[in-house]
Amino acid sequence: MTTTKEFAIAHKLCGEEVVPAIADAEFDEPLPGTASEIARRAIILHGVVAVGFGVDGGEVLRWLDSQGLTDEISPQELALLQAEEPSEQDSAAARWRVEAEWALLWAIGKVRTLGLPTRTCDTTQLVDEIMPGLGTPIDKFVESAQLRSPGEILAESDRHYHLHCYIRQAMKRQRAPRDLQYVVLWQRCYAFEWLYNSVEWDEVQVDA
């Protein structure tokens, strides 16, 4: 069984930590959303993930409300935050949102590289160094967000999209790479789909 890097290279995809940016001016269109919008979405996801790990949803909701983010919380996220006791299934799904959050943080320059989806994100760095603490102001974090170039984001988005398509085909034959973290790949694809499509967070579709 191959590694994810070998699988990517075999399908003519970049297997390195950093994908070369697409330099063609034809693909130099900016994203629909701004850096601050992406930063706010990452903060909401951060709160959702916290609830997945057992933090009180009401506490998170009050924090997001105090920071002016209430209207940007999706219906499914709001239901999670308002639940008296989220189900284990909902909690597990919420915990995995950290990988979508990580991809968005990469897009706004808060994470150095994404690399191939063979490992989960660095949650210690996420909590201790990158994200504002629960209950603290978010202004500085949002204001410091800077979008990567369209060519950088498109190159990484394309790699993940095509890798997901090929992986889904391989999984049908039970030939997925041995070191692949499929949920990491799926969550990243979800984040990239949201970046490029003007749809509500709950309505994102991950194509394969």
Protein backbone atom coordinates (compact mmCIF):
# COMPACT_ATOMS: atom_id res chain seq x y z
CA MET A 1 0.00 0.00 0.00
CA THR A 2 1.39 3.40 -0.97
CA THR A 3 1.84 6.55 1.09
CA THR A 4 -0.24 9.64 0.43
CA LYS A 5 2.79 11.37 -1.05
CA GLU A 6 3.43 8.48 -3.44
CA PHE A 7 -0.28 8.40 -4.30
CA ALA A 8 -0.33 12.13 -5.05
CA ILE A 9 2.76 11.98 -7.24
CA ALA A 10 1.39 8.97 -9.11
CA HIS A 11 -1.67 11.06 -9.97
CA LYS A 12 0.47 14.01 -11.06
CA LEU A 13 -0.29 16.07 -7.94
CA CYS A 14 2.26 17.92 -5.85
CA GLY A 15 3.58 15.76 -3.02
CA GLU A 16 5.59 18.47 -1.28
CA GLU A 17 4.75 20.40 1.87
CA VAL A 18 4.13 23.59 -0.11
CA VAL A 19 2.34 23.61 -3.47
CA PRO A 20 3.78 26.13 -5.97
CA ALA A 21 1.35 28.98 -6.46
CA ILE A 22 -0.56 29.16 -9.73
CA ALA A 23 1.00 32.13 -11.52
CA ASP A 24 -1.42 32.38 -14.44
CA ALA A 25 -3.13 35.79 -14.34
CA GLU A 26 -6.31 34.13 -15.59
CA PHE A 27 -6.68 32.53 -12.16
CA ASP A 28 -5.73 35.61 -10.15
CA GLU A 29 -9.28 36.51 -9.13
CA PRO A 30 -9.74 37.30 -5.42
CA LEU A 31 -11.88 35.09 -3.21
CA PRO A 32 -15.53 36.03 -2.65
CA GLY A 33 -14.89 36.61 1.05
CA THR A 34 -12.51 38.98 2.81
CA ALA A 35 -9.76 38.09 5.25
CA SER A 36 -11.85 39.39 8.15
CA GLU A 37 -14.86 37.29 7.12
CA ILE A 38 -12.69 34.19 6.99
CA ALA A 39 -11.14 35.06 10.36
CA ARG A 40 -14.59 35.41 11.93
CA ARG A 41 -15.68 32.07 10.48
CA ALA A 42 -12.55 30.49 11.99
CA ILE A 43 -13.44 31.95 15.38
CA ILE A 44 -16.94 30.49 15.20
CA LEU A 45 -15.46 27.11 14.32
CA HIS A 46 -13.10 27.47 17.26
CA GLY A 47 -16.11 27.85 19.53
CA VAL A 48 -17.85 24.88 17.93
CA VAL A 49 -14.75 22.72 18.42
CA ALA A 50 -14.56 23.79 22.05
CA VAL A 51 -18.12 22.58 22.61
CA GLY A 52 -17.16 19.30 20.97
CA PHE A 53 -14.51 18.94 23.66
CA GLY A 54 -16.94 19.64 26.47
CA VAL A 55 -16.97 23.42 26.92
CA ASP A 56 -20.42 24.76 27.81
CA GLY A 57 -22.24 25.82 24.65
CA GLY A 58 -24.03 28.66 26.39
CA GLU A 59 -20.71 30.12 27.45
CA VAL A 60 -19.39 29.95 23.89
CA LEU A 61 -22.59 31.47 22.51
CA ARG A 62 -22.41 34.39 24.93
CA TRP A 63 -18.81 35.01 23.88
CA LEU A 64 -19.61 34.93 20.16
CA ASP A 65 -22.59 37.21 20.77
CA SER A 66 -20.44 39.69 22.70
CA GLN A 67 -18.07 39.84 19.73
CA GLY A 68 -20.83 40.53 17.21
CA LEU A 69 -20.76 37.10 15.57
CA THR A 70 -24.27 35.86 16.35
CA ASP A 71 -25.61 36.48 12.84
CA GLU A 72 -22.73 34.49 11.31
CA ILE A 73 -23.39 31.30 13.30
CA SER A 74 -25.01 28.68 11.09
CA PRO A 75 -28.29 27.02 12.11
CA GLN A 76 -26.59 23.70 12.79
CA GLU A 77 -23.91 25.39 14.85
CA LEU A 78 -26.51 27.33 16.80
CA ALA A 79 -28.38 24.11 17.57
CA LEU A 80 -25.16 22.60 18.93
CA LEU A 81 -24.39 25.64 21.07
CA GLN A 82 -27.91 25.72 22.48
CA ALA A 83 -28.16 21.98 23.18
CA GLU A 84 -28.34 21.08 26.86
CA GLU A 85 -26.20 18.02 26.22
CA PRO A 86 -24.93 17.44 22.67
CA SER A 87 -24.99 13.86 21.45
CA GLU A 88 -21.70 12.02 21.10
CA GLN A 89 -22.18 12.03 17.34
CA ASP A 90 -22.64 15.81 17.27
CA SER A 91 -19.70 16.30 19.64
CA ALA A 92 -17.43 14.14 17.48
CA ALA A 93 -18.45 16.05 14.35
CA ALA A 94 -17.78 19.32 16.16
CA ARG A 95 -14.31 18.18 17.23
CA TRP A 96 -13.33 17.38 13.65
CA ARG A 97 -14.22 20.92 12.57
CA VAL A 98 -10.81 21.90 13.91
CA GLU A 99 -9.35 20.64 10.61
CA ALA A 100 -11.58 22.97 8.59
CA GLU A 101 -10.62 25.75 10.98
CA TRP A 102 -6.94 24.97 10.38
CA ALA A 103 -7.38 25.24 6.60
CA LEU A 104 -9.09 28.62 6.94
CA LEU A 105 -6.30 29.81 9.23
CA TRP A 106 -3.80 28.79 6.59
CA ALA A 107 -5.70 30.86 4.00
CA ILE A 108 -5.36 33.98 6.15
CA GLY A 109 -1.70 33.44 6.94
CA LYS A 110 -2.05 32.19 10.51
CA VAL A 111 -0.68 28.73 9.67
CA ARG A 112 2.59 28.34 7.77
CA THR A 113 1.84 25.24 5.69
CA LEU A 114 -0.90 22.66 5.22
CA GLY A 115 0.98 19.83 3.57
CA LEU A 116 -0.68 16.57 2.65
CA PRO A 117 -3.54 15.29 4.86
CA THR A 118 -1.48 12.70 6.72
CA ARG A 119 -1.65 14.21 10.20
CA THR A 120 -4.07 16.16 12.34
CA CYS A 121 -3.45 19.83 13.04
CA ASP A 122 -1.31 21.14 15.89
CA THR A 123 -3.99 21.85 18.49
CA THR A 124 -1.46 23.08 21.04
CA GLN A 125 -0.24 25.78 18.66
CA LEU A 126 -3.83 26.51 17.68
CA VAL A 127 -4.96 27.17 21.24
CA ASP A 128 -1.80 28.63 22.76
CA GLU A 129 -0.40 30.71 19.90
CA ILE A 130 -2.94 31.39 17.16
CA MET A 131 -6.52 31.79 18.33
CA PRO A 132 -7.90 34.33 20.81
CA GLY A 133 -8.88 32.69 24.07
CA LEU A 134 -12.53 31.92 24.70
CA GLY A 135 -14.13 34.95 26.27
CA THR A 136 -11.46 37.40 25.08
CA PRO A 137 -11.71 40.16 22.42
CA ILE A 138 -11.22 39.07 18.80
CA ASP A 139 -10.47 42.45 17.19
CA LYS A 140 -6.70 42.07 17.08
CA PHE A 141 -6.93 38.59 15.59
CA VAL A 142 -9.40 39.65 12.90
CA GLU A 143 -7.51 42.82 11.99
CA SER A 144 -4.22 40.94 11.60
CA ALA A 145 -5.66 38.40 9.14
CA GLN A 146 -4.18 38.67 5.65
CA LEU A 147 -5.28 36.59 2.70
CA ARG A 148 -2.68 34.60 0.85
CA SER A 149 -2.45 35.32 -2.85
CA PRO A 150 -5.19 33.87 -5.08
CA GLY A 151 -2.59 31.69 -6.79
CA GLU A 152 -1.45 30.16 -3.50
CA ILE A 153 -4.96 29.38 -2.28
CA LEU A 154 -6.12 28.03 -5.63
CA ALA A 155 -3.09 25.74 -5.92
CA GLU A 156 -3.71 24.19 -2.50
CA SER A 157 -7.44 24.01 -3.08
CA ASP A 158 -6.94 22.26 -6.42
CA ARG A 159 -4.53 19.76 -4.89
CA HIS A 160 -6.99 18.84 -2.16
CA TYR A 161 -9.95 18.67 -4.55
CA HIS A 162 -8.22 16.34 -7.00
CA LEU A 163 -6.65 14.28 -4.23
CA HIS A 164 -10.11 13.78 -2.71
CA CYS A 165 -11.53 12.66 -6.06
CA TYR A 166 -8.74 10.13 -6.60
CA ILE A 167 -8.87 8.93 -2.99
CA ARG A 168 -12.60 8.25 -3.19
CA GLN A 169 -12.02 6.11 -6.26
CA ALA A 170 -9.19 4.24 -4.53
CA MET A 171 -11.29 3.66 -1.40
CA LYS A 172 -13.85 1.76 -3.48
CA ARG A 173 -11.06 -0.71 -4.29
CA GLN A 174 -9.68 -0.60 -0.73
CA ARG A 175 -6.47 0.98 -1.97
CA ALA A 176 -6.33 4.20 0.01
CA PRO A 177 -2.83 5.33 1.09
CA ARG A 178 -1.83 3.84 4.42
CA ASP A 179 -0.99 7.15 6.10
CA LEU A 180 -3.98 9.13 4.84
CA GLN A 181 -6.16 10.93 7.39
CA TYR A 182 -9.35 10.98 5.35
CA VAL A 183 -11.38 13.15 7.74
CA VAL A 184 -8.61 15.75 7.65
CA LEU A 185 -8.78 15.74 3.85
CA TRP A 186 -12.58 16.00 3.88
CA GLN A 187 -12.67 18.87 6.37
CA ARG A 188 -10.05 20.80 4.41
CA CYS A 189 -12.05 20.29 1.22
CA TYR A 190 -15.13 21.57 3.04
CA ALA A 191 -13.27 24.72 4.04
CA PHE A 192 -11.97 25.32 0.51
CA GLU A 193 -15.44 24.78 -0.98
CA TRP A 194 -16.79 27.42 1.42
CA LEU A 195 -14.00 29.82 0.44
CA TYR A 196 -14.88 29.63 -3.24
CA ASN A 197 -18.67 29.38 -3.11
CA SER A 198 -21.02 32.03 -1.79
CA VAL A 199 -23.14 29.63 0.23
CA GLU A 200 -24.01 29.33 3.90
CA TRP A 201 -21.65 27.16 5.95
CA ASP A 202 -24.23 24.38 6.45
CA GLU A 203 -24.95 24.21 2.72
CA VAL A 204 -21.41 23.43 1.53
CA GLN A 205 -21.14 20.31 -0.63
CA VAL A 206 -17.85 18.39 -0.85
CA ASP A 207 -17.75 16.99 -4.37
CA ALA A 208 -15.81 13.86 -5.27
